[in-house]
Amino acid sequence: MLQNKPSIINIGLVGGGDFCKEILEKTTAVYEQEEMVAPILAVADPDPESPGRKLASKLGLLTFDDYRQLYDRRYSIHLIIILTPEPEIFDDILKTRPSRIRILAYQVFRMFWKTIGLEMEGGHFQRAISAAIIKGNAREDMPVRYAYYASDNPLKSGQTLAAGPMGLEGIRPTYMITRAIIQKILST
């Protein structure tokens, strides 16, 4: 019987600043599911000393001075996530990228990233939604979804889920929401 091979979506990040470093620190290097594998392969930033680019190099990822190098077919980049807010960079990538490469704009990715971070703040998030409805800034019938994951409360004094090797490897349930959103974005 033939088995379906998973789709591979190679990711390149543009902008090696603190946001890039945060992404690399908080996500697993490779998103894998039965139907898809999506590794972050490269970081492009003109500053070799930028925090994200330095971490990418330390992690063994490709690093480039110019994001146009991500267009090279040798690297098989399928998705570029822009991690810098400069509109000129987005506009240039939009004009110059090969049609085989998708783009995720900084503002869109940042919105998802912030939303994913709010899952830890469920109560705060609910109060903010309620306040927006009371003030007339949101509709009362607005669909709202919540996602919760295991807390980082220590099981033993001085230990957390992010301590030791689990912090480097990641905890699958913690990243499930991120994975589901990325999968939804990539499947459209």
C-alpha atoms as a PDB file:
ATOM      1  CA  MET A   1       0.000   0.000   0.000  1.00  0.00           C
ATOM      2  CA  LEU A   2       1.303   3.467  -0.899  1.00  0.00           C
ATOM      3  CA  GLN A   3       1.895   5.824   1.988  1.00  0.00           C
ATOM      4  CA  ASN A   4       1.523   9.557   1.515  1.00  0.00           C
ATOM      5  CA  LYS A   5       4.757  11.418   2.073  1.00  0.00           C
ATOM      6  CA  PRO A   6       4.381  14.554   4.152  1.00  0.00           C
ATOM      7  CA  SER A   7       4.561  17.928   2.437  1.00  0.00           C
ATOM      8  CA  ILE A   8       7.741  19.827   3.172  1.00  0.00           C
ATOM      9  CA  ILE A   9       7.533  23.582   3.652  1.00  0.00           C
ATOM     10  CA  ASN A  10      10.953  25.103   4.232  1.00  0.00           C
ATOM     11  CA  ILE A  11      10.898  28.436   6.062  1.00  0.00           C
ATOM     12  CA  GLY A  12      13.262  31.390   5.812  1.00  0.00           C
ATOM     13  CA  LEU A  13      13.122  34.259   8.305  1.00  0.00           C
ATOM     14  CA  VAL A  14      13.911  37.839   7.273  1.00  0.00           C
ATOM     15  CA  GLY A  15      15.137  40.059  10.089  1.00  0.00           C
ATOM     16  CA  GLY A  16      17.524  38.740  12.715  1.00  0.00           C
ATOM     17  CA  GLY A  17      16.656  41.041  15.597  1.00  0.00           C
ATOM     18  CA  ASP A  18      15.265  40.241  19.024  1.00  0.00           C
ATOM     19  CA  PHE A  19      11.930  39.054  17.567  1.00  0.00           C
ATOM     20  CA  CYS A  20      13.763  36.477  15.445  1.00  0.00           C
ATOM     21  CA  LYS A  21      15.735  35.331  18.471  1.00  0.00           C
ATOM     22  CA  GLU A  22      12.492  34.959  20.431  1.00  0.00           C
ATOM     23  CA  ILE A  23      10.932  32.885  17.635  1.00  0.00           C
ATOM     24  CA  LEU A  24      13.962  30.593  17.460  1.00  0.00           C
ATOM     25  CA  GLU A  25      14.099  30.219  21.252  1.00  0.00           C
ATOM     26  CA  LYS A  26      10.395  29.530  21.749  1.00  0.00           C
ATOM     27  CA  THR A  27       9.636  27.243  18.840  1.00  0.00           C
ATOM     28  CA  THR A  28      11.002  23.916  17.905  1.00  0.00           C
ATOM     29  CA  ALA A  29      13.362  24.143  14.960  1.00  0.00           C
ATOM     30  CA  VAL A  30      11.173  21.818  12.902  1.00  0.00           C
ATOM     31  CA  TYR A  31       7.397  21.639  12.884  1.00  0.00           C
ATOM     32  CA  GLU A  32       6.369  18.073  12.093  1.00  0.00           C
ATOM     33  CA  GLN A  33       3.038  16.392  11.669  1.00  0.00           C
ATOM     34  CA  GLU A  34       2.003  13.378   9.607  1.00  0.00           C
ATOM     35  CA  GLU A  35       1.020  15.499   6.627  1.00  0.00           C
ATOM     36  CA  MET A  36       3.612  18.274   6.909  1.00  0.00           C
ATOM     37  CA  VAL A  37       7.194  19.037   7.898  1.00  0.00           C
ATOM     38  CA  ALA A  38       8.103  22.734   8.162  1.00  0.00           C
ATOM     39  CA  PRO A  39      11.671  23.416   9.253  1.00  0.00           C
ATOM     40  CA  ILE A  40      13.110  26.883   9.716  1.00  0.00           C
ATOM     41  CA  LEU A  41      16.161  26.651   7.460  1.00  0.00           C
ATOM     42  CA  ALA A  42      17.578  30.154   7.305  1.00  0.00           C
ATOM     43  CA  VAL A  43      17.757  33.663   8.721  1.00  0.00           C
ATOM     44  CA  ALA A  44      18.613  36.703   6.590  1.00  0.00           C
ATOM     45  CA  ASP A  45      19.857  39.918   8.192  1.00  0.00           C
ATOM     46  CA  PRO A  46      22.593  42.290   7.039  1.00  0.00           C
ATOM     47  CA  ASP A  47      24.004  42.486  10.589  1.00  0.00           C
ATOM     48  CA  PRO A  48      25.966  39.314  11.446  1.00  0.00           C
ATOM     49  CA  GLU A  49      25.862  40.410  15.103  1.00  0.00           C
ATOM     50  CA  SER A  50      22.067  40.637  15.291  1.00  0.00           C
ATOM     51  CA  PRO A  51      20.738  38.393  18.090  1.00  0.00           C
ATOM     52  CA  GLY A  52      18.538  36.193  15.887  1.00  0.00           C
ATOM     53  CA  ARG A  53      21.176  35.702  13.236  1.00  0.00           C
ATOM     54  CA  LYS A  54      23.777  34.793  15.860  1.00  0.00           C
ATOM     55  CA  LEU A  55      21.408  32.241  17.405  1.00  0.00           C
ATOM     56  CA  ALA A  56      20.547  30.851  13.954  1.00  0.00           C
ATOM     57  CA  SER A  57      24.230  30.343  13.267  1.00  0.00           C
ATOM     58  CA  LYS A  58      24.676  28.650  16.640  1.00  0.00           C
ATOM     59  CA  LEU A  59      21.721  26.346  15.823  1.00  0.00           C
ATOM     60  CA  GLY A  60      23.313  25.403  12.493  1.00  0.00           C
ATOM     61  CA  LEU A  61      20.796  27.241  10.314  1.00  0.00           C
ATOM     62  CA  LEU A  62      21.781  29.012   7.114  1.00  0.00           C
ATOM     63  CA  THR A  63      22.482  32.722   7.569  1.00  0.00           C
ATOM     64  CA  PHE A  64      22.555  35.394   4.882  1.00  0.00           C
ATOM     65  CA  ASP A  65      23.328  39.100   4.617  1.00  0.00           C
ATOM     66  CA  ASP A  66      20.691  39.626   1.923  1.00  0.00           C
ATOM     67  CA  TYR A  67      17.171  38.139   1.966  1.00  0.00           C
ATOM     68  CA  ARG A  68      17.327  37.725  -1.808  1.00  0.00           C
ATOM     69  CA  GLN A  69      19.688  34.813  -1.168  1.00  0.00           C
ATOM     70  CA  LEU A  70      16.638  32.958   0.178  1.00  0.00           C
ATOM     71  CA  TYR A  71      15.309  32.921  -3.401  1.00  0.00           C
ATOM     72  CA  ASP A  72      18.087  30.556  -4.539  1.00  0.00           C
ATOM     73  CA  ARG A  73      16.520  27.238  -5.588  1.00  0.00           C
ATOM     74  CA  ARG A  74      19.325  25.329  -3.832  1.00  0.00           C
ATOM     75  CA  TYR A  75      17.720  26.143  -0.469  1.00  0.00           C
ATOM     76  CA  SER A  76      14.159  25.232  -1.498  1.00  0.00           C
ATOM     77  CA  ILE A  77      12.566  27.963   0.623  1.00  0.00           C
ATOM     78  CA  HIS A  78       8.772  27.807   0.318  1.00  0.00           C
ATOM     79  CA  LEU A  79       7.760  30.436   2.874  1.00  0.00           C
ATOM     80  CA  ILE A  80       9.418  33.672   3.962  1.00  0.00           C
ATOM     81  CA  ILE A  81       8.278  35.059   7.309  1.00  0.00           C
ATOM     82  CA  ILE A  82       9.171  38.732   7.624  1.00  0.00           C
ATOM     83  CA  LEU A  83      10.201  39.588  11.191  1.00  0.00           C
ATOM     84  CA  THR A  84      10.979  43.254  10.647  1.00  0.00           C
ATOM     85  CA  PRO A  85       8.327  46.007  10.394  1.00  0.00           C
ATOM     86  CA  GLU A  86       9.968  48.069   7.619  1.00  0.00           C
ATOM     87  CA  PRO A  87       7.415  48.324   4.780  1.00  0.00           C
ATOM     88  CA  GLU A  88      10.211  48.755   2.216  1.00  0.00           C
ATOM     89  CA  ILE A  89      11.457  45.243   2.923  1.00  0.00           C
ATOM     90  CA  PHE A  90       7.975  43.750   2.542  1.00  0.00           C
ATOM     91  CA  ASP A  91       7.395  45.715  -0.675  1.00  0.00           C
ATOM     92  CA  ASP A  92      10.735  44.649  -2.147  1.00  0.00           C
ATOM     93  CA  ILE A  93      10.214  40.987  -1.278  1.00  0.00           C
ATOM     94  CA  LEU A  94       6.716  41.159  -2.752  1.00  0.00           C
ATOM     95  CA  LYS A  95       8.159  42.551  -6.013  1.00  0.00           C
ATOM     96  CA  THR A  96      11.289  40.405  -6.278  1.00  0.00           C
ATOM     97  CA  ARG A  97      10.438  36.992  -4.820  1.00  0.00           C
ATOM     98  CA  PRO A  98       9.890  34.056  -7.141  1.00  0.00           C
ATOM     99  CA  SER A  99       6.217  33.083  -7.376  1.00  0.00           C
ATOM    100  CA  ARG A 100       6.978  29.695  -5.786  1.00  0.00           C
ATOM    101  CA  ILE A 101       7.736  31.426  -2.457  1.00  0.00           C
ATOM    102  CA  ARG A 102       4.927  32.526  -0.163  1.00  0.00           C
ATOM    103  CA  ILE A 103       5.249  35.488   2.186  1.00  0.00           C
ATOM    104  CA  LEU A 104       3.926  36.055   5.686  1.00  0.00           C
ATOM    105  CA  ALA A 105       4.032  39.776   6.480  1.00  0.00           C
ATOM    106  CA  TYR A 106       5.451  41.061   9.758  1.00  0.00           C
ATOM    107  CA  GLN A 107       2.145  42.538  10.957  1.00  0.00           C
ATOM    108  CA  VAL A 108       0.225  39.307  10.330  1.00  0.00           C
ATOM    109  CA  PHE A 109       2.834  37.063  11.922  1.00  0.00           C
ATOM    110  CA  ARG A 110       3.214  39.438  14.898  1.00  0.00           C
ATOM    111  CA  MET A 111      -0.563  39.400  15.434  1.00  0.00           C
ATOM    112  CA  PHE A 112      -0.614  35.592  15.503  1.00  0.00           C
ATOM    113  CA  TRP A 113       2.462  35.457  17.727  1.00  0.00           C
ATOM    114  CA  LYS A 114       0.909  37.877  20.245  1.00  0.00           C
ATOM    115  CA  THR A 115      -2.402  36.010  20.139  1.00  0.00           C
ATOM    116  CA  ILE A 116      -0.658  32.723  20.792  1.00  0.00           C
ATOM    117  CA  GLY A 117       1.084  34.313  23.765  1.00  0.00           C
ATOM    118  CA  LEU A 118      -2.285  35.319  25.211  1.00  0.00           C
ATOM    119  CA  GLU A 119      -3.297  31.709  25.788  1.00  0.00           C
ATOM    120  CA  MET A 120      -1.394  31.938  29.055  1.00  0.00           C
ATOM    121  CA  GLU A 121      -3.436  35.009  29.936  1.00  0.00           C
ATOM    122  CA  GLY A 122      -6.926  33.516  29.480  1.00  0.00           C
ATOM    123  CA  GLY A 123      -8.562  35.439  32.328  1.00  0.00           C
ATOM    124  CA  HIS A 124      -6.971  38.711  31.279  1.00  0.00           C
ATOM    125  CA  PHE A 125      -8.004  38.075  27.684  1.00  0.00           C
ATOM    126  CA  GLN A 126     -11.628  37.379  28.694  1.00  0.00           C
ATOM    127  CA  ARG A 127     -11.770  40.600  30.736  1.00  0.00           C
ATOM    128  CA  ALA A 128     -10.412  42.567  27.771  1.00  0.00           C
ATOM    129  CA  ILE A 129     -13.067  41.080  25.456  1.00  0.00           C
ATOM    130  CA  SER A 130     -15.828  41.812  27.978  1.00  0.00           C
ATOM    131  CA  ALA A 131     -14.629  45.403  28.336  1.00  0.00           C
ATOM    132  CA  ALA A 132     -14.556  45.823  24.544  1.00  0.00           C
ATOM    133  CA  ILE A 133     -18.158  44.553  24.296  1.00  0.00           C
ATOM    134  CA  ILE A 134     -19.330  46.857  27.111  1.00  0.00           C
ATOM    135  CA  LYS A 135     -17.634  49.858  25.447  1.00  0.00           C
ATOM    136  CA  GLY A 136     -19.203  48.974  22.103  1.00  0.00           C
ATOM    137  CA  ASN A 137     -15.837  48.217  20.457  1.00  0.00           C
ATOM    138  CA  ALA A 138     -16.726  44.563  19.804  1.00  0.00           C
ATOM    139  CA  ARG A 139     -19.969  42.825  18.894  1.00  0.00           C
ATOM    140  CA  GLU A 140     -21.682  40.767  21.547  1.00  0.00           C
ATOM    141  CA  ASP A 141     -22.045  37.874  19.075  1.00  0.00           C
ATOM    142  CA  MET A 142     -18.339  37.898  18.138  1.00  0.00           C
ATOM    143  CA  PRO A 143     -17.023  34.307  18.023  1.00  0.00           C
ATOM    144  CA  VAL A 144     -14.428  33.731  20.738  1.00  0.00           C
ATOM    145  CA  ARG A 145     -12.199  30.673  21.130  1.00  0.00           C
ATOM    146  CA  TYR A 146      -9.923  29.852  24.023  1.00  0.00           C
ATOM    147  CA  ALA A 147      -6.989  27.519  24.120  1.00  0.00           C
ATOM    148  CA  TYR A 148      -5.246  26.460  27.300  1.00  0.00           C
ATOM    149  CA  TYR A 149      -2.128  24.428  27.857  1.00  0.00           C
ATOM    150  CA  ALA A 150      -0.176  23.080  30.776  1.00  0.00           C
ATOM    151  CA  SER A 151       1.048  25.772  33.110  1.00  0.00           C
ATOM    152  CA  ASP A 152       4.702  26.391  33.767  1.00  0.00           C
ATOM    153  CA  ASN A 153       4.046  26.138  37.495  1.00  0.00           C
ATOM    154  CA  PRO A 154       6.834  24.097  39.044  1.00  0.00           C
ATOM    155  CA  LEU A 155       6.119  20.563  40.160  1.00  0.00           C
ATOM    156  CA  LYS A 156       9.100  20.827  42.488  1.00  0.00           C
ATOM    157  CA  SER A 157      10.645  23.948  43.924  1.00  0.00           C
ATOM    158  CA  GLY A 158      13.078  25.501  41.443  1.00  0.00           C
ATOM    159  CA  GLN A 159      11.895  23.420  38.473  1.00  0.00           C
ATOM    160  CA  THR A 160       9.717  24.543  35.564  1.00  0.00           C
ATOM    161  CA  LEU A 161       8.722  23.015  32.244  1.00  0.00           C
ATOM    162  CA  ALA A 162      11.217  25.315  30.518  1.00  0.00           C
ATOM    163  CA  ALA A 163      14.129  24.277  32.727  1.00  0.00           C
ATOM    164  CA  GLY A 164      16.772  21.870  31.510  1.00  0.00           C
ATOM    165  CA  PRO A 165      16.534  19.986  28.236  1.00  0.00           C
ATOM    166  CA  MET A 166      12.750  20.375  27.952  1.00  0.00           C
ATOM    167  CA  GLY A 167      13.244  24.120  27.496  1.00  0.00           C
ATOM    168  CA  LEU A 168      15.523  23.479  24.523  1.00  0.00           C
ATOM    169  CA  GLU A 169      13.503  20.652  22.973  1.00  0.00           C
ATOM    170  CA  GLY A 170      10.090  22.169  23.555  1.00  0.00           C
ATOM    171  CA  ILE A 171       6.980  20.642  25.016  1.00  0.00           C
ATOM    172  CA  ARG A 172       4.626  19.353  22.327  1.00  0.00           C
ATOM    173  CA  PRO A 173       1.304  20.417  23.939  1.00  0.00           C
ATOM    174  CA  THR A 174       2.659  23.907  24.561  1.00  0.00           C
ATOM    175  CA  TYR A 175       3.367  24.450  20.878  1.00  0.00           C
ATOM    176  CA  MET A 176       0.244  22.727  19.518  1.00  0.00           C
ATOM    177  CA  ILE A 177      -1.645  26.005  19.123  1.00  0.00           C
ATOM    178  CA  THR A 178       1.249  27.550  17.215  1.00  0.00           C
ATOM    179  CA  ARG A 179       1.453  24.502  14.996  1.00  0.00           C
ATOM    180  CA  ALA A 180      -2.282  24.496  14.277  1.00  0.00           C
ATOM    181  CA  ILE A 181      -2.229  28.172  13.292  1.00  0.00           C
ATOM    182  CA  ILE A 182       0.840  27.780  11.098  1.00  0.00           C
ATOM    183  CA  GLN A 183      -0.737  24.745   9.442  1.00  0.00           C
ATOM    184  CA  LYS A 184      -3.902  26.734   8.756  1.00  0.00           C
ATOM    185  CA  ILE A 185      -1.881  29.623   7.276  1.00  0.00           C
ATOM    186  CA  LEU A 186       0.182  27.312   5.066  1.00  0.00           C
ATOM    187  CA  SER A 187      -2.830  25.364   3.798  1.00  0.00           C
ATOM    188  CA  THR A 188      -4.567  28.439   2.385  1.00  0.00           C
END
